[in-house]
Amino acid sequence: MKTLSITLATMTIAMCALSGCGTGQDRRAATSKATATVPADTNQANRDLKGIVASLKGLRDSDQRADLKKLHTGLQERAKTLKGSLADVASSSDAAVVAGKEQITQWHQQADTFTDPELRNASNKREGELRKAVDALSASNASLKALADPFEAQLAQTLGALDLDLSQPGLDSVKPVINALIDDAEALGSSLTEVSDQSKSLYAVINP
């Protein structure tokens, strides 16, 4: 539901870009609002990722007495939760980038009308700071996607393999993949933190 709301907000921003609606303060407020939600989303995704790691370790380290079905079901549920929280991060951070780019476009167009060189230079400097912050968030979004997509795919395949052979021998056969997922989770968590940090930097540029 949250992802749908953010998607609708992104569409509204895009429509404003085509129609030229809103004042400079409106555009600033839109970027601030979109950016402000990103850290909470990344924090939630990082918590969900830690839950995944705990479940993976629980499976990997289980003994003959373990209830493998219960462990498998628990990992499945956490995988679904992580999928949703990662989607929320992608939606909110993408919305922040869209809002920021629209603000840059309108800022540049308006600044070009300034005839006073000092005003234009000062405005261009601030626009450059905003552009740098938006580009940094956009780059961190791309890096996160490059890590999240294969992680989710590998996790889904591992769950599928266990579903076919939910036994100690079946578990033993996928332990190397489980260990790789645990290792990859660290890089994914760092990438989520980077998205959060870049969104905070963008917010700070807008709200100095």
Protein backbone atom coordinates (compact mmCIF):
# COMPACT_ATOMS: atom_id res chain seq x y z
CA MET A 1 0.00 0.00 0.00
CA LYS A 2 2.83 2.32 0.90
CA THR A 3 4.61 1.58 -2.39
CA LEU A 4 1.40 2.42 -4.29
CA SER A 5 1.11 5.77 -2.47
CA ILE A 6 4.69 6.67 -3.33
CA THR A 7 4.14 5.63 -6.95
CA LEU A 8 1.12 7.94 -7.16
CA ALA A 9 3.20 10.74 -5.65
CA THR A 10 5.90 10.14 -8.26
CA MET A 11 3.30 10.31 -11.04
CA THR A 12 2.03 13.61 -9.63
CA ILE A 13 5.56 15.02 -9.66
CA ALA A 14 6.02 13.87 -13.25
CA MET A 15 2.74 15.52 -14.30
CA CYS A 16 3.90 18.75 -12.68
CA ALA A 17 7.11 18.50 -14.66
CA LEU A 18 5.10 18.44 -17.89
CA SER A 19 2.73 21.22 -16.89
CA GLY A 20 5.19 23.45 -15.04
CA CYS A 21 2.97 23.61 -11.95
CA GLY A 22 4.08 24.86 -8.56
CA THR A 23 6.27 27.62 -7.20
CA GLY A 24 9.90 27.25 -6.16
CA GLN A 25 8.75 26.71 -2.57
CA ASP A 26 6.27 24.06 -3.72
CA ARG A 27 9.01 22.17 -5.53
CA ARG A 28 11.33 22.44 -2.55
CA ALA A 29 8.57 21.12 -0.27
CA ALA A 30 7.89 18.22 -2.65
CA THR A 31 11.55 17.19 -2.69
CA SER A 32 11.81 17.53 1.09
CA LYS A 33 8.72 15.41 1.65
CA ALA A 34 9.85 12.68 -0.73
CA THR A 35 13.37 12.59 0.70
CA ALA A 36 12.32 12.59 4.34
CA THR A 37 10.73 9.12 4.10
CA VAL A 38 13.80 7.33 2.75
CA PRO A 39 15.80 6.83 6.00
CA ALA A 40 12.87 5.15 7.79
CA ASP A 41 12.37 2.80 4.83
CA THR A 42 16.05 1.86 4.69
CA ASN A 43 16.14 1.29 8.44
CA GLN A 44 13.17 -1.08 8.18
CA ALA A 45 14.76 -2.94 5.27
CA ASN A 46 18.00 -3.31 7.24
CA ARG A 47 16.07 -4.75 10.19
CA ASP A 48 14.31 -7.20 7.87
CA LEU A 49 17.66 -8.14 6.31
CA LYS A 50 19.07 -8.92 9.75
CA GLY A 51 16.08 -11.19 10.29
CA ILE A 52 16.91 -13.00 7.05
CA VAL A 53 20.50 -13.52 8.18
CA ALA A 54 19.31 -14.89 11.53
CA SER A 55 16.99 -17.34 9.75
CA LEU A 56 19.72 -18.42 7.32
CA LYS A 57 22.12 -19.06 10.20
CA GLY A 58 19.40 -20.95 12.06
CA LEU A 59 18.95 -23.26 9.09
CA ARG A 60 22.66 -23.64 8.43
CA ASP A 61 23.47 -24.51 12.04
CA SER A 62 20.47 -26.78 12.70
CA ASP A 63 21.02 -30.37 13.84
CA GLN A 64 19.14 -33.61 13.30
CA ARG A 65 16.57 -32.68 15.96
CA ALA A 66 15.63 -29.37 14.31
CA ASP A 67 12.18 -28.77 12.85
CA LEU A 68 13.31 -27.98 9.29
CA LYS A 69 9.78 -27.25 8.12
CA LYS A 70 9.36 -24.58 10.78
CA LEU A 71 12.75 -23.05 9.96
CA HIS A 72 11.97 -23.11 6.23
CA THR A 73 8.56 -21.48 6.75
CA GLY A 74 10.09 -18.81 8.94
CA LEU A 75 12.66 -17.96 6.28
CA GLN A 76 9.92 -17.84 3.62
CA GLU A 77 7.91 -15.35 5.66
CA ARG A 78 10.93 -13.15 6.28
CA ALA A 79 11.84 -13.26 2.60
CA LYS A 80 8.38 -11.90 1.73
CA THR A 81 8.76 -9.15 4.32
CA LEU A 82 12.19 -8.18 2.98
CA LYS A 83 10.84 -8.08 -0.57
CA GLY A 84 8.22 -5.56 0.52
CA SER A 85 10.61 -3.38 2.49
CA LEU A 86 13.14 -3.30 -0.35
CA ALA A 87 10.33 -2.28 -2.71
CA ASP A 88 9.45 0.56 -0.32
CA VAL A 89 13.06 1.77 -0.34
CA ALA A 90 13.17 1.68 -4.13
CA SER A 91 9.90 3.59 -4.41
CA SER A 92 10.69 6.30 -1.85
CA SER A 93 14.25 6.87 -3.01
CA ASP A 94 13.22 6.95 -6.67
CA ALA A 95 10.46 9.44 -5.80
CA ALA A 96 13.06 11.64 -4.07
CA VAL A 97 15.26 11.57 -7.17
CA VAL A 98 12.32 12.42 -9.46
CA ALA A 99 11.31 15.33 -7.22
CA GLY A 100 14.90 16.54 -7.01
CA LYS A 101 15.40 16.44 -10.76
CA GLU A 102 12.19 18.36 -11.33
CA GLN A 103 13.32 20.96 -8.82
CA ILE A 104 16.66 21.26 -10.64
CA THR A 105 14.95 21.69 -14.02
CA GLN A 106 12.65 24.43 -12.81
CA TRP A 107 15.44 26.07 -10.81
CA HIS A 108 17.69 26.20 -13.88
CA GLN A 109 14.94 27.62 -16.08
CA GLN A 110 14.12 30.37 -13.59
CA ALA A 111 17.77 31.20 -12.81
CA ASP A 112 18.41 31.68 -16.52
CA THR A 113 16.04 34.65 -16.45
CA PHE A 114 18.16 36.51 -13.87
CA THR A 115 19.97 39.46 -15.44
CA ASP A 116 22.03 40.25 -12.37
CA PRO A 117 25.32 38.23 -12.66
CA GLU A 118 25.78 38.00 -8.89
CA LEU A 119 22.28 36.64 -8.37
CA ARG A 120 22.70 34.17 -11.22
CA ASN A 121 26.07 32.93 -9.95
CA ALA A 122 24.77 32.48 -6.41
CA SER A 123 21.71 30.64 -7.68
CA ASN A 124 23.79 28.44 -9.98
CA LYS A 125 26.03 27.48 -7.06
CA ARG A 126 23.09 26.29 -5.00
CA GLU A 127 21.63 24.51 -8.01
CA GLY A 128 24.95 22.72 -8.45
CA GLU A 129 24.88 21.56 -4.84
CA LEU A 130 21.36 20.21 -5.33
CA ARG A 131 22.31 18.48 -8.58
CA LYS A 132 25.30 16.82 -6.92
CA ALA A 133 23.15 15.53 -4.05
CA VAL A 134 20.43 14.22 -6.38
CA ASP A 135 23.00 12.49 -8.60
CA ALA A 136 24.59 10.87 -5.56
CA LEU A 137 21.25 9.49 -4.37
CA SER A 138 20.44 8.26 -7.88
CA ALA A 139 23.79 6.45 -8.05
CA SER A 140 23.27 4.84 -4.64
CA ASN A 141 19.81 3.70 -5.76
CA ALA A 142 21.35 1.99 -8.79
CA SER A 143 24.00 0.31 -6.65
CA LEU A 144 21.35 -0.95 -4.24
CA LYS A 145 19.29 -2.43 -7.06
CA ALA A 146 22.38 -4.16 -8.47
CA LEU A 147 22.83 -5.91 -5.12
CA ALA A 148 19.21 -6.43 -4.07
CA ASP A 149 17.92 -8.09 -7.25
CA PRO A 150 20.44 -10.97 -7.34
CA PHE A 151 20.22 -11.39 -3.56
CA GLU A 152 16.44 -11.80 -3.69
CA ALA A 153 16.71 -14.14 -6.68
CA GLN A 154 19.30 -16.34 -4.96
CA LEU A 155 17.26 -16.39 -1.76
CA ALA A 156 14.15 -17.47 -3.68
CA GLN A 157 16.07 -20.22 -5.46
CA THR A 158 17.52 -21.47 -2.18
CA LEU A 159 14.05 -21.62 -0.66
CA GLY A 160 12.88 -23.50 -3.75
CA ALA A 161 15.71 -26.01 -3.51
CA LEU A 162 14.92 -26.65 0.14
CA ASP A 163 11.24 -27.04 -0.68
CA LEU A 164 12.17 -29.86 -3.06
CA ASP A 165 14.39 -31.61 -0.53
CA LEU A 166 13.67 -30.47 3.02
CA SER A 167 16.02 -32.90 4.73
CA GLN A 168 19.43 -32.75 6.37
CA PRO A 169 21.15 -33.98 3.17
CA GLY A 170 19.16 -31.44 1.17
CA LEU A 171 20.14 -28.71 3.62
CA ASP A 172 23.79 -29.78 3.49
CA SER A 173 23.74 -29.43 -0.29
CA VAL A 174 22.71 -25.76 -0.15
CA LYS A 175 24.89 -24.69 2.79
CA PRO A 176 27.52 -23.14 0.48
CA VAL A 177 24.79 -20.97 -1.04
CA ILE A 178 23.45 -20.08 2.41
CA ASN A 179 26.93 -18.99 3.46
CA ALA A 180 27.21 -16.87 0.31
CA LEU A 181 23.85 -15.22 1.06
CA ILE A 182 24.98 -14.41 4.59
CA ASP A 183 28.14 -12.81 3.20
CA ASP A 184 26.20 -10.91 0.51
CA ALA A 185 23.78 -9.58 3.12
CA GLU A 186 26.56 -7.49 4.61
CA ALA A 187 27.14 -5.66 1.32
CA LEU A 188 23.39 -5.24 0.83
CA GLY A 189 23.04 -3.75 4.31
CA SER A 190 25.88 -1.32 3.62
CA SER A 191 24.19 -0.30 0.38
CA LEU A 192 20.93 0.39 2.21
CA THR A 193 22.84 2.57 4.68
CA GLU A 194 24.42 4.44 1.77
CA VAL A 195 21.00 5.21 0.28
CA SER A 196 19.89 6.49 3.66
CA ASP A 197 23.00 8.65 4.03
CA GLN A 198 22.63 10.14 0.54
CA SER A 199 18.95 10.92 1.14
CA LYS A 200 19.92 12.73 4.35
CA SER A 201 22.56 14.68 2.43
CA LEU A 202 19.95 15.69 -0.16
CA TYR A 203 17.55 16.74 2.58
CA ALA A 204 20.30 18.83 4.19
CA VAL A 205 20.97 20.65 0.90
CA ILE A 206 17.29 21.51 0.57
CA ASN A 207 16.93 22.43 4.23
CA PRO A 208 20.28 23.99 5.24
